[in-house]
């Protein structure tokens, strides 16, 4: 990329109008996150209708393991992206390119170490999570899906990590294109791999009939194509930050900072895995039979999939704001940082309020998209109404967590992110059913809105202090100096 184009892009980050600039960064991120979510949604729609409630419950049992593997992605990707944004703001291109090369090196190292370890532990993990409360068919489906996905998950890590770096350097459309490649491939391959025959309006195509295994293979092939597109971007001279083979290594001065910044989203996703594990175990424990436990776990899978789909706009906004805040923090343009923070809070709150309303009003039709079993549909609709009834209040917590990540203050971001997913929710999952022993399953679901309310209230003091600090700093910088 030419120096003039690079300078124009960086000038835009530092001086362009914030709302149009946010839209420029956010809409590709929104499309990318929607496409990423569709990997799970498409799998679960096809499997729920084509393979039965055991299969969708089995996929739900895979959530904690998949989230543990996925947690290492933002540990590396978010930290690397933040270093790239701040380095570009400080005009340090060499450090930005080293951060990119180190991102690739760490992703490859991750695939060679963590994935094999998880592969060996799959059976004890699944049996511990199910606790004898779901059918053997659900456990078998989970085992089959995970055995394929665990060993090839490094492709997803590379694709998502490089896409995060693209957004951080100011190339959100390129990041979106990579995910379009993967999502389109997954959309085509899923039915061909899952079903024995795919009936279209004008033609009937033979399929492989692999069921749950077909969904896993389709996802891995799609992620491989997305990864190839991302590597092409960084090796084809189209990027501000170039991927050079000599930079693909671990740097002692960069890796601690990358891991420290990425620790917040890592812990948040790892905490999500712990919560998923605990909720699966709680539903199995408090259900009256294996059949009821399987229905509850399947409903939880529907809840998680739909919730994540409706949370995509908020995540897209955060990904759009992160490079703007990070660049201007590095350039010490604190007035612009404060205005960006205010806009992030307002827009995120609007998104989560809309998501809450939609899930309350459309719970039954949304749940029916994933299953034609009446018991599963009813349980899924109930889960959406109860579990997400208070998400309208979490916008401040989400925006504040992203802000503290973007300015390189991971400790505060970690505390804020863990408030909702661990500090409040995890104890409630096991305490509330004992407080309400007559309706223990209802009590488990009520732990979710309770954690939303407490996390939002706890976020107010630190973010108000930070905003006041930004106002004072920007006012001091704007005041004329006396001779």
Protein backbone atom coordinates (compact mmCIF):
# COMPACT_ATOMS: atom_id res chain seq x y z
CA UNK A 1 0.00 0.00 0.00
CA UNK A 2 1.31 3.47 -0.86
CA UNK A 3 2.45 5.85 1.82
CA UNK A 4 -0.18 8.44 0.82
CA UNK A 5 -3.01 5.92 1.19
CA UNK A 6 -1.61 4.81 4.53
CA UNK A 7 -1.33 8.40 5.79
CA UNK A 8 -4.88 9.16 4.64
CA UNK A 9 -6.22 6.17 6.53
CA UNK A 10 -4.41 7.13 9.72
CA UNK A 11 -5.49 10.78 9.39
CA UNK A 12 -9.06 9.57 9.14
CA UNK A 13 -8.70 7.60 12.38
CA UNK A 14 -7.35 10.70 14.11
CA UNK A 15 -9.55 13.41 12.60
CA UNK A 16 -12.55 12.03 10.71
CA UNK A 17 -16.09 12.50 11.99
CA UNK A 18 -16.65 9.82 14.61
CA UNK A 19 -20.10 8.56 13.64
CA UNK A 20 -19.36 8.07 9.91
CA UNK A 21 -15.98 6.60 10.84
CA UNK A 22 -17.65 4.23 13.27
CA UNK A 23 -20.06 3.14 10.56
CA UNK A 24 -17.15 2.58 8.18
CA UNK A 25 -15.50 0.28 10.71
CA UNK A 26 -18.63 -1.21 12.21
CA UNK A 27 -20.63 -2.33 9.20
CA UNK A 28 -17.95 -4.73 7.95
CA UNK A 29 -17.53 -5.93 11.53
CA UNK A 30 -21.29 -6.39 11.80
CA UNK A 31 -21.34 -8.42 8.61
CA UNK A 32 -18.30 -10.40 9.75
CA UNK A 33 -19.75 -11.19 13.17
CA UNK A 34 -23.09 -12.13 11.63
CA UNK A 35 -21.33 -14.50 9.25
CA UNK A 36 -19.29 -15.96 12.10
CA UNK A 37 -22.47 -16.53 14.08
CA UNK A 38 -24.10 -18.17 11.08
CA UNK A 39 -21.57 -20.99 11.34
CA UNK A 40 -23.25 -22.04 14.58
CA UNK A 41 -26.78 -21.06 13.58
CA UNK A 42 -26.69 -22.99 10.31
CA UNK A 43 -25.21 -26.07 11.97
CA UNK A 44 -27.86 -26.07 14.67
CA UNK A 45 -30.80 -25.42 12.33
CA UNK A 46 -29.83 -28.28 10.03
CA UNK A 47 -28.91 -30.65 12.85
CA UNK A 48 -31.95 -29.77 14.99
CA UNK A 49 -34.36 -30.57 12.18
CA UNK A 50 -32.41 -33.36 10.51
CA UNK A 51 -30.78 -35.25 13.40
CA UNK A 52 -33.15 -34.81 16.37
CA UNK A 53 -33.09 -33.43 19.90
CA UNK A 54 -30.23 -35.73 20.99
CA UNK A 55 -28.01 -34.17 18.34
CA UNK A 56 -28.80 -30.54 19.24
CA UNK A 57 -28.33 -31.37 22.94
CA UNK A 58 -25.00 -32.97 22.00
CA UNK A 59 -23.90 -29.80 20.22
CA UNK A 60 -24.82 -27.85 23.34
CA UNK A 61 -22.53 -30.11 25.35
CA UNK A 62 -19.70 -29.10 22.99
CA UNK A 63 -20.07 -25.39 23.84
CA UNK A 64 -17.70 -25.36 26.84
CA UNK A 65 -14.92 -27.16 24.98
CA UNK A 66 -15.35 -25.02 21.85
CA UNK A 67 -15.36 -21.89 24.00
CA UNK A 68 -12.14 -22.93 25.76
CA UNK A 69 -10.47 -23.37 22.38
CA UNK A 70 -11.99 -20.14 21.14
CA UNK A 71 -10.86 -18.24 24.25
CA UNK A 72 -7.24 -18.46 23.12
CA UNK A 73 -8.20 -16.58 19.96
CA UNK A 74 -8.94 -13.19 21.57
CA UNK A 75 -6.08 -13.75 24.04
CA UNK A 76 -3.80 -13.41 21.03
CA UNK A 77 -5.96 -11.57 18.48
CA UNK A 78 -7.34 -8.74 20.64
CA UNK A 79 -3.96 -8.06 22.22
CA UNK A 80 -2.20 -8.08 18.85
CA UNK A 81 -4.85 -5.86 17.31
CA UNK A 82 -4.59 -3.34 20.15
CA UNK A 83 -0.80 -3.21 19.81
CA UNK A 84 -1.18 -2.65 16.06
CA UNK A 85 -3.68 0.21 16.56
CA UNK A 86 -1.61 1.93 19.23
CA UNK A 87 1.63 1.43 17.27
CA UNK A 88 0.12 2.98 14.15
CA UNK A 89 -1.10 5.90 16.26
CA UNK A 90 2.48 6.33 17.48
CA UNK A 91 3.80 5.93 13.89
CA UNK A 92 5.76 2.81 14.84
CA UNK A 93 5.22 0.58 11.78
CA UNK A 94 7.98 -1.87 12.71
CA UNK A 95 6.34 -2.76 16.02
CA UNK A 96 2.97 -3.13 14.30
CA UNK A 97 4.45 -5.61 11.78
CA UNK A 98 6.14 -7.56 14.54
CA UNK A 99 2.84 -7.76 16.42
CA UNK A 100 1.21 -9.19 13.29
CA UNK A 101 3.98 -11.76 12.77
CA UNK A 102 3.86 -12.77 16.41
CA UNK A 103 0.06 -13.20 16.16
CA UNK A 104 0.55 -15.84 13.43
CA UNK A 105 3.34 -17.56 15.37
CA UNK A 106 1.26 -17.79 18.54
CA UNK A 107 -1.76 -19.12 16.66
CA UNK A 108 0.32 -21.92 15.12
CA UNK A 109 1.89 -22.71 18.49
CA UNK A 110 -1.59 -22.88 20.01
CA UNK A 111 -2.74 -25.41 17.42
CA UNK A 112 0.25 -27.61 18.15
CA UNK A 113 -0.21 -27.70 21.94
CA UNK A 114 -3.69 -26.96 23.31
CA UNK A 115 -5.71 -28.87 20.68
CA UNK A 116 -4.03 -32.27 21.20
CA UNK A 117 -4.36 -31.92 24.98
CA UNK A 118 -8.10 -31.26 24.72
CA UNK A 119 -8.50 -34.16 22.28
CA UNK A 120 -7.17 -36.59 24.87
CA UNK A 121 -9.51 -35.25 27.58
CA UNK A 122 -12.78 -35.21 25.62
CA UNK A 123 -14.46 -38.26 27.17
CA UNK A 124 -13.92 -37.33 30.84
CA UNK A 125 -14.96 -33.74 30.12
CA UNK A 126 -18.21 -34.76 28.42
CA UNK A 127 -19.17 -37.28 31.09
CA UNK A 128 -18.36 -34.82 33.87
CA UNK A 129 -20.51 -32.15 32.22
CA UNK A 130 -23.47 -34.44 31.53
CA UNK A 131 -23.36 -35.99 35.00
CA UNK A 132 -25.60 -38.86 33.90
CA UNK A 133 -28.46 -36.41 33.29
CA UNK A 134 -28.66 -36.65 29.47
CA UNK A 135 -29.03 -39.52 27.04
CA UNK A 136 -26.09 -41.48 25.63
CA UNK A 137 -27.14 -40.33 22.16
CA UNK A 138 -26.42 -36.71 23.12
CA UNK A 139 -22.98 -37.62 24.49
CA UNK A 140 -22.15 -39.62 21.35
CA UNK A 141 -23.08 -36.69 19.10
CA UNK A 142 -20.92 -34.32 21.16
CA UNK A 143 -17.95 -36.68 21.05
CA UNK A 144 -18.15 -37.11 17.28
CA UNK A 145 -18.40 -33.36 16.61
CA UNK A 146 -15.52 -32.47 18.92
CA UNK A 147 -13.08 -35.11 17.72
CA UNK A 148 -13.13 -33.55 14.27
CA UNK A 149 -13.22 -29.89 15.34
CA UNK A 150 -10.53 -29.92 18.01
CA UNK A 151 -7.64 -30.92 15.76
CA UNK A 152 -8.48 -28.43 12.98
CA UNK A 153 -9.56 -25.48 15.09
CA UNK A 154 -6.25 -23.69 14.47
CA UNK A 155 -7.63 -22.73 11.03
CA UNK A 156 -10.41 -20.76 12.71
CA UNK A 157 -7.89 -19.16 15.04
CA UNK A 158 -5.77 -17.94 12.15
CA UNK A 159 -8.76 -16.65 10.20
CA UNK A 160 -10.29 -14.76 13.13
CA UNK A 161 -6.94 -13.49 14.41
CA UNK A 162 -5.85 -12.07 11.07
CA UNK A 163 -9.29 -10.52 10.57
CA UNK A 164 -8.96 -8.76 13.93
CA UNK A 165 -5.58 -7.40 12.85
CA UNK A 166 -7.11 -6.13 9.60
CA UNK A 167 -9.72 -4.13 11.50
CA UNK A 168 -7.03 -2.72 13.78
CA UNK A 169 -4.97 -1.46 10.85
CA UNK A 170 -8.03 0.21 9.31
CA UNK A 171 -9.09 -2.46 6.78
CA UNK A 172 -12.52 -3.60 8.01
CA UNK A 173 -13.84 -4.39 4.53
CA UNK A 174 -10.95 -6.77 3.87
CA UNK A 175 -11.68 -8.52 7.18
CA UNK A 176 -15.29 -8.85 6.13
CA UNK A 177 -14.36 -10.38 2.77
CA UNK A 178 -12.44 -13.18 4.48
CA UNK A 179 -15.43 -14.08 6.59
CA UNK A 180 -17.76 -13.90 3.58
CA UNK A 181 -15.63 -16.55 1.89
CA UNK A 182 -15.89 -18.86 4.90
CA UNK A 183 -19.58 -18.30 5.58
CA UNK A 184 -20.57 -18.83 1.94
CA UNK A 185 -18.60 -22.07 1.84
CA UNK A 186 -20.20 -23.26 5.09
CA UNK A 187 -23.69 -22.42 3.84
CA UNK A 188 -23.16 -24.56 0.75
CA UNK A 189 -21.26 -27.43 2.37
CA UNK A 190 -23.41 -27.92 5.48
CA UNK A 191 -26.48 -29.48 3.83
CA UNK A 192 -24.33 -31.45 1.37
CA UNK A 193 -22.29 -32.97 4.19
CA UNK A 194 -25.10 -33.45 6.76
CA UNK A 195 -27.95 -34.90 4.69
CA UNK A 196 -28.07 -37.89 2.35
CA UNK A 197 -30.01 -35.86 -0.21
CA UNK A 198 -30.54 -32.12 -0.60
CA UNK A 199 -33.82 -31.22 -2.29
CA UNK A 200 -33.80 -27.85 -4.01
CA UNK A 201 -36.63 -26.28 -5.98
CA UNK A 202 -35.22 -27.24 -9.38
CA UNK A 203 -32.86 -30.10 -8.64
CA UNK A 204 -32.15 -32.77 -6.03
CA UNK A 205 -28.50 -33.25 -5.11
CA UNK A 206 -26.89 -36.27 -3.43
CA UNK A 207 -25.29 -35.58 -0.06
CA UNK A 208 -22.74 -37.39 2.06
CA UNK A 209 -25.19 -38.09 4.90
CA UNK A 210 -22.57 -37.60 7.62
CA UNK A 211 -24.93 -35.97 10.12
CA UNK A 212 -23.15 -34.26 13.02
CA UNK A 213 -19.73 -35.18 11.57
CA UNK A 214 -20.71 -33.47 8.31
CA UNK A 215 -21.36 -30.20 10.14
CA UNK A 216 -17.89 -30.37 11.70
CA UNK A 217 -16.15 -31.08 8.38
CA UNK A 218 -18.07 -28.33 6.59
CA UNK A 219 -17.08 -25.78 9.24
CA UNK A 220 -13.39 -26.72 9.14
CA UNK A 221 -13.18 -26.57 5.34
CA UNK A 222 -14.92 -23.19 5.36
CA UNK A 223 -12.51 -21.84 7.98
CA UNK A 224 -9.57 -23.07 5.92
CA UNK A 225 -10.81 -21.04 2.96
CA UNK A 226 -11.29 -17.94 5.14
CA UNK A 227 -7.76 -18.39 6.49
CA UNK A 228 -6.34 -18.60 2.96
CA UNK A 229 -8.13 -15.35 2.03
CA UNK A 230 -6.69 -13.59 5.09
CA UNK A 231 -3.15 -14.73 4.34
CA UNK A 232 -3.53 -13.54 0.76
CA UNK A 233 -4.47 -10.07 2.02
CA UNK A 234 -1.35 -9.81 4.16
CA UNK A 235 1.06 -11.24 1.60
CA UNK A 236 -0.32 -9.48 -1.49
CA UNK A 237 0.78 -5.91 -0.78
CA UNK A 238 -2.74 -4.70 0.04
CA UNK A 239 -2.30 -3.99 3.73
CA UNK A 240 -0.89 -1.14 5.81
CA UNK A 241 0.93 -3.69 7.96
CA UNK A 242 2.77 -6.37 5.99
CA UNK A 243 3.13 -10.01 7.06
CA UNK A 244 6.79 -10.88 6.60
CA UNK A 245 8.17 -14.37 7.19
CA UNK A 246 11.08 -13.03 9.24
CA UNK A 247 8.60 -11.48 11.70
CA UNK A 248 6.72 -14.74 12.36
CA UNK A 249 8.19 -15.40 15.78
CA UNK A 250 7.65 -14.61 19.46
CA UNK A 251 9.11 -11.34 20.77
CA UNK A 252 10.04 -11.06 24.42
CA UNK A 253 9.12 -7.40 24.58
CA UNK A 254 5.74 -7.81 22.84
CA UNK A 255 4.28 -11.09 24.04
CA UNK A 256 3.72 -10.05 27.69
CA UNK A 257 1.84 -6.93 26.61
CA UNK A 258 -0.20 -8.78 23.99
CA UNK A 259 -1.21 -11.45 26.49
CA UNK A 260 -1.95 -8.87 29.20
CA UNK A 261 -4.31 -6.92 26.91
CA UNK A 262 -5.92 -10.08 25.54
CA UNK A 263 -6.32 -11.58 29.00
CA UNK A 264 -9.66 -9.82 29.56
CA UNK A 265 -11.52 -11.31 26.55
CA UNK A 266 -9.73 -14.62 27.17
CA UNK A 267 -10.98 -14.78 30.75
CA UNK A 268 -14.41 -13.60 29.64
CA UNK A 269 -14.68 -16.43 27.11
CA UNK A 270 -13.07 -18.95 29.45
CA UNK A 271 -15.55 -17.83 32.07
CA UNK A 272 -18.28 -18.34 29.49
CA UNK A 273 -17.04 -21.90 29.08
CA UNK A 274 -17.17 -22.42 32.84
CA UNK A 275 -20.69 -21.03 32.95
CA UNK A 276 -21.75 -23.23 30.04
CA UNK A 277 -20.29 -26.24 31.82
CA UNK A 278 -22.05 -25.32 35.06
CA UNK A 279 -25.40 -24.62 33.39
CA UNK A 280 -25.31 -27.89 31.44
CA UNK A 281 -24.51 -29.72 34.65
CA UNK A 282 -27.18 -27.81 36.59
CA UNK A 283 -29.91 -28.59 34.04
CA UNK A 284 -28.91 -32.26 34.05
CA UNK A 285 -28.77 -32.30 37.86
CA UNK A 286 -32.12 -30.61 38.54
CA UNK A 287 -34.10 -32.40 35.81
CA UNK A 288 -36.36 -35.27 36.86
CA UNK A 289 -35.13 -37.65 34.14
CA UNK A 290 -32.56 -38.05 31.36
CA UNK A 291 -35.23 -37.16 28.80
CA UNK A 292 -36.08 -33.90 30.61
CA UNK A 293 -32.39 -33.15 31.08
CA UNK A 294 -31.77 -33.61 27.35
CA UNK A 295 -34.67 -31.23 26.54
CA UNK A 296 -33.31 -28.60 28.95
CA UNK A 297 -29.78 -28.85 27.54
CA UNK A 298 -31.18 -28.59 23.99
CA UNK A 299 -33.17 -25.50 25.07
CA UNK A 300 -30.00 -24.01 26.50
CA UNK A 301 -28.33 -24.58 23.12
CA UNK A 302 -31.15 -22.67 21.42
CA UNK A 303 -30.87 -19.91 24.01
CA UNK A 304 -27.13 -19.54 23.48
CA UNK A 305 -27.36 -19.53 19.69
CA UNK A 306 -30.20 -17.00 19.49
CA UNK A 307 -28.68 -14.79 22.21
CA UNK A 308 -25.35 -14.64 20.43
CA UNK A 309 -27.05 -13.83 17.12
CA UNK A 310 -28.90 -10.88 18.68
CA UNK A 311 -25.73 -9.74 20.45
CA UNK A 312 -23.86 -9.44 17.15
CA UNK A 313 -24.75 -5.74 16.56
CA UNK A 314 -23.28 -4.81 19.95
CA UNK A 315 -20.13 -6.80 19.23
CA UNK A 316 -19.83 -5.19 15.81
CA UNK A 317 -20.06 -1.73 17.37
CA UNK A 318 -17.33 -2.62 19.86
CA UNK A 319 -15.06 -3.89 17.09
CA UNK A 320 -15.74 -0.69 15.16
CA UNK A 321 -14.91 1.54 18.13
CA UNK A 322 -11.83 -0.31 19.39
CA UNK A 323 -9.38 0.89 16.66
CA UNK A 324 -10.75 4.45 16.85
CA UNK A 325 -10.27 4.62 20.61
CA UNK A 326 -6.91 2.79 20.49
CA UNK A 327 -5.44 5.03 17.78
CA UNK A 328 -6.54 8.28 19.42
CA UNK A 329 -5.37 7.09 22.82
CA UNK A 330 -1.95 6.42 21.29
CA UNK A 331 -2.03 9.87 19.64
CA UNK A 332 -3.13 11.42 22.99
CA UNK A 333 -6.26 12.92 21.42
CA UNK A 334 -8.25 12.44 24.62
CA UNK A 335 -11.20 14.64 23.71
CA UNK A 336 -11.84 12.39 20.74
CA UNK A 337 -11.48 9.33 22.96
CA UNK A 338 -14.15 10.70 25.32
CA UNK A 339 -16.57 11.45 22.48
CA UNK A 340 -16.04 7.97 21.07
CA UNK A 341 -16.72 6.41 24.47
CA UNK A 342 -19.99 8.35 24.87
CA UNK A 343 -21.18 7.27 21.45
CA UNK A 344 -20.19 3.65 22.10
CA UNK A 345 -22.26 3.54 25.31
CA UNK A 346 -25.32 5.09 23.64
CA UNK A 347 -25.30 2.86 20.57
CA UNK A 348 -24.57 -0.32 22.51
CA UNK A 349 -27.45 0.39 24.89
CA UNK A 350 -29.82 0.86 21.95
CA UNK A 351 -28.67 -2.46 20.46
CA UNK A 352 -29.12 -4.54 23.62
CA UNK A 353 -32.51 -2.95 24.34
CA UNK A 354 -33.70 -3.87 20.85
CA UNK A 355 -32.33 -7.39 21.24
CA UNK A 356 -34.20 -7.78 24.52
CA UNK A 357 -37.51 -6.66 23.03
CA UNK A 358 -37.19 -8.91 19.97
CA UNK A 359 -36.46 -12.02 22.02
CA UNK A 360 -39.34 -11.36 24.40
CA UNK A 361 -41.83 -10.89 21.56
CA UNK A 362 -40.54 -13.53 19.14
CA UNK A 363 -39.36 -16.26 21.50
CA UNK A 364 -41.57 -19.06 20.15
CA UNK A 365 -40.92 -18.57 16.41
CA UNK A 366 -37.21 -18.16 17.11
CA UNK A 367 -37.06 -21.40 19.11
CA UNK A 368 -39.03 -23.29 16.45
CA UNK A 369 -36.31 -22.52 13.89
CA UNK A 370 -34.04 -25.00 15.68
CA UNK A 371 -36.35 -27.90 16.44
CA UNK A 372 -39.66 -29.44 15.41
CA UNK A 373 -39.97 -31.26 18.76
CA UNK A 374 -42.74 -29.44 20.74
CA UNK A 375 -41.08 -29.97 24.13
CA UNK A 376 -37.78 -28.52 22.93
CA UNK A 377 -39.51 -25.56 21.25
CA UNK A 378 -41.48 -24.69 24.39
CA UNK A 379 -38.42 -24.99 26.62
CA UNK A 380 -36.33 -22.88 24.22
CA UNK A 381 -38.94 -20.10 24.09
CA UNK A 382 -39.20 -20.06 27.88
CA UNK A 383 -35.40 -19.84 28.13
CA UNK A 384 -35.26 -16.84 25.78
CA UNK A 385 -37.94 -14.93 27.68
CA UNK A 386 -36.53 -15.52 31.16
CA UNK A 387 -32.79 -15.61 30.49
CA UNK A 388 -32.67 -12.43 28.39
CA UNK A 389 -35.33 -10.29 30.07
CA UNK A 390 -32.70 -7.90 31.54
CA UNK A 391 -30.07 -7.69 28.81
CA UNK A 392 -31.33 -4.19 27.97
CA UNK A 393 -29.25 -2.91 30.91
CA UNK A 394 -25.81 -4.36 30.00
CA UNK A 395 -24.80 -1.85 27.31
CA UNK A 396 -22.67 0.18 29.72
CA UNK A 397 -20.75 -2.90 30.89
CA UNK A 398 -20.06 -4.06 27.33
CA UNK A 399 -18.86 -0.64 26.12
CA UNK A 400 -16.74 -0.05 29.22
CA UNK A 401 -15.01 -3.41 28.86
CA UNK A 402 -14.12 -2.63 25.23
CA UNK A 403 -12.86 0.84 26.18
CA UNK A 404 -10.46 -0.41 28.83
CA UNK A 405 -9.17 -3.11 26.46
CA UNK A 406 -8.61 -0.58 23.67
CA UNK A 407 -6.56 1.81 25.83
CA UNK A 408 -4.36 -1.00 27.14
CA UNK A 409 -5.77 -1.28 30.69
CA UNK A 410 -6.62 -4.96 30.90
CA UNK A 411 -7.05 -5.28 34.68
CA UNK A 412 -10.13 -3.09 34.79
CA UNK A 413 -11.54 -4.77 31.69
CA UNK A 414 -11.01 -8.19 33.27
CA UNK A 415 -12.88 -7.26 36.45
CA UNK A 416 -15.79 -5.76 34.52
CA UNK A 417 -16.10 -8.72 32.17
CA UNK A 418 -15.87 -11.31 34.95
CA UNK A 419 -18.54 -9.57 37.04
CA UNK A 420 -21.33 -10.69 34.76
CA UNK A 421 -20.10 -14.14 33.79
CA UNK A 422 -18.41 -15.44 36.93
CA UNK A 423 -18.51 -13.37 40.09
CA UNK A 424 -22.32 -13.12 40.17
CA UNK A 425 -23.64 -15.73 37.76
CA UNK A 426 -21.66 -18.79 38.79
CA UNK A 427 -22.70 -18.75 42.48
CA UNK A 428 -26.32 -18.00 41.52
CA UNK A 429 -26.50 -21.05 39.25
CA UNK A 430 -26.04 -23.33 42.27
CA UNK A 431 -27.46 -21.23 45.11
CA UNK A 432 -30.81 -20.08 43.64
CA UNK A 433 -32.18 -23.62 43.00
CA UNK A 434 -31.71 -24.32 46.70
CA UNK A 435 -33.45 -21.06 47.59
CA UNK A 436 -36.37 -21.97 45.27
CA UNK A 437 -36.47 -25.77 45.58
CA UNK A 438 -40.03 -26.02 44.23
CA UNK A 439 -38.95 -24.66 40.79
CA UNK A 440 -35.21 -25.38 40.59
CA UNK A 441 -35.00 -25.17 36.79
CA UNK A 442 -36.67 -21.74 36.85
CA UNK A 443 -34.18 -20.67 39.50
CA UNK A 444 -31.28 -21.66 37.25
CA UNK A 445 -32.65 -19.48 34.46
CA UNK A 446 -33.25 -16.54 36.82
CA UNK A 447 -29.53 -16.43 37.64
CA UNK A 448 -28.91 -14.92 34.18
CA UNK A 449 -30.96 -11.70 34.47
CA UNK A 450 -29.78 -11.23 38.05
CA UNK A 451 -26.15 -11.20 36.91
CA UNK A 452 -26.98 -8.67 34.17
CA UNK A 453 -28.39 -6.19 36.67
CA UNK A 454 -25.54 -6.49 39.17
CA UNK A 455 -22.84 -6.19 36.48
CA UNK A 456 -24.37 -3.00 35.11
CA UNK A 457 -24.62 -1.37 38.54
CA UNK A 458 -21.00 -2.26 39.32
CA UNK A 459 -19.78 -0.73 36.04
CA UNK A 460 -21.18 2.75 36.73
CA UNK A 461 -18.51 4.02 39.23
CA UNK A 462 -15.33 3.15 37.26
CA UNK A 463 -16.62 4.37 33.90
CA UNK A 464 -17.85 7.65 35.41
CA UNK A 465 -14.42 8.21 36.99
CA UNK A 466 -12.73 7.49 33.67
CA UNK A 467 -14.99 9.84 31.76
CA UNK A 468 -14.35 12.66 34.23
CA UNK A 469 -10.62 12.06 33.84
CA UNK A 470 -10.91 12.29 30.05
CA UNK A 471 -12.89 15.53 30.30
CA UNK A 472 -10.26 17.12 32.57
CA UNK A 473 -7.36 15.93 30.43
CA UNK A 474 -8.88 17.14 27.17
CA UNK A 475 -9.78 20.51 28.73
CA UNK A 476 -6.22 20.92 29.99
CA UNK A 477 -4.83 20.08 26.56
CA UNK A 478 -7.14 22.62 24.89
CA UNK A 479 -6.34 25.45 27.35
CA UNK A 480 -3.92 28.09 26.00
CA UNK A 481 -0.48 28.04 27.60
CA UNK A 482 0.85 31.20 29.19
CA UNK A 483 4.25 32.58 28.20
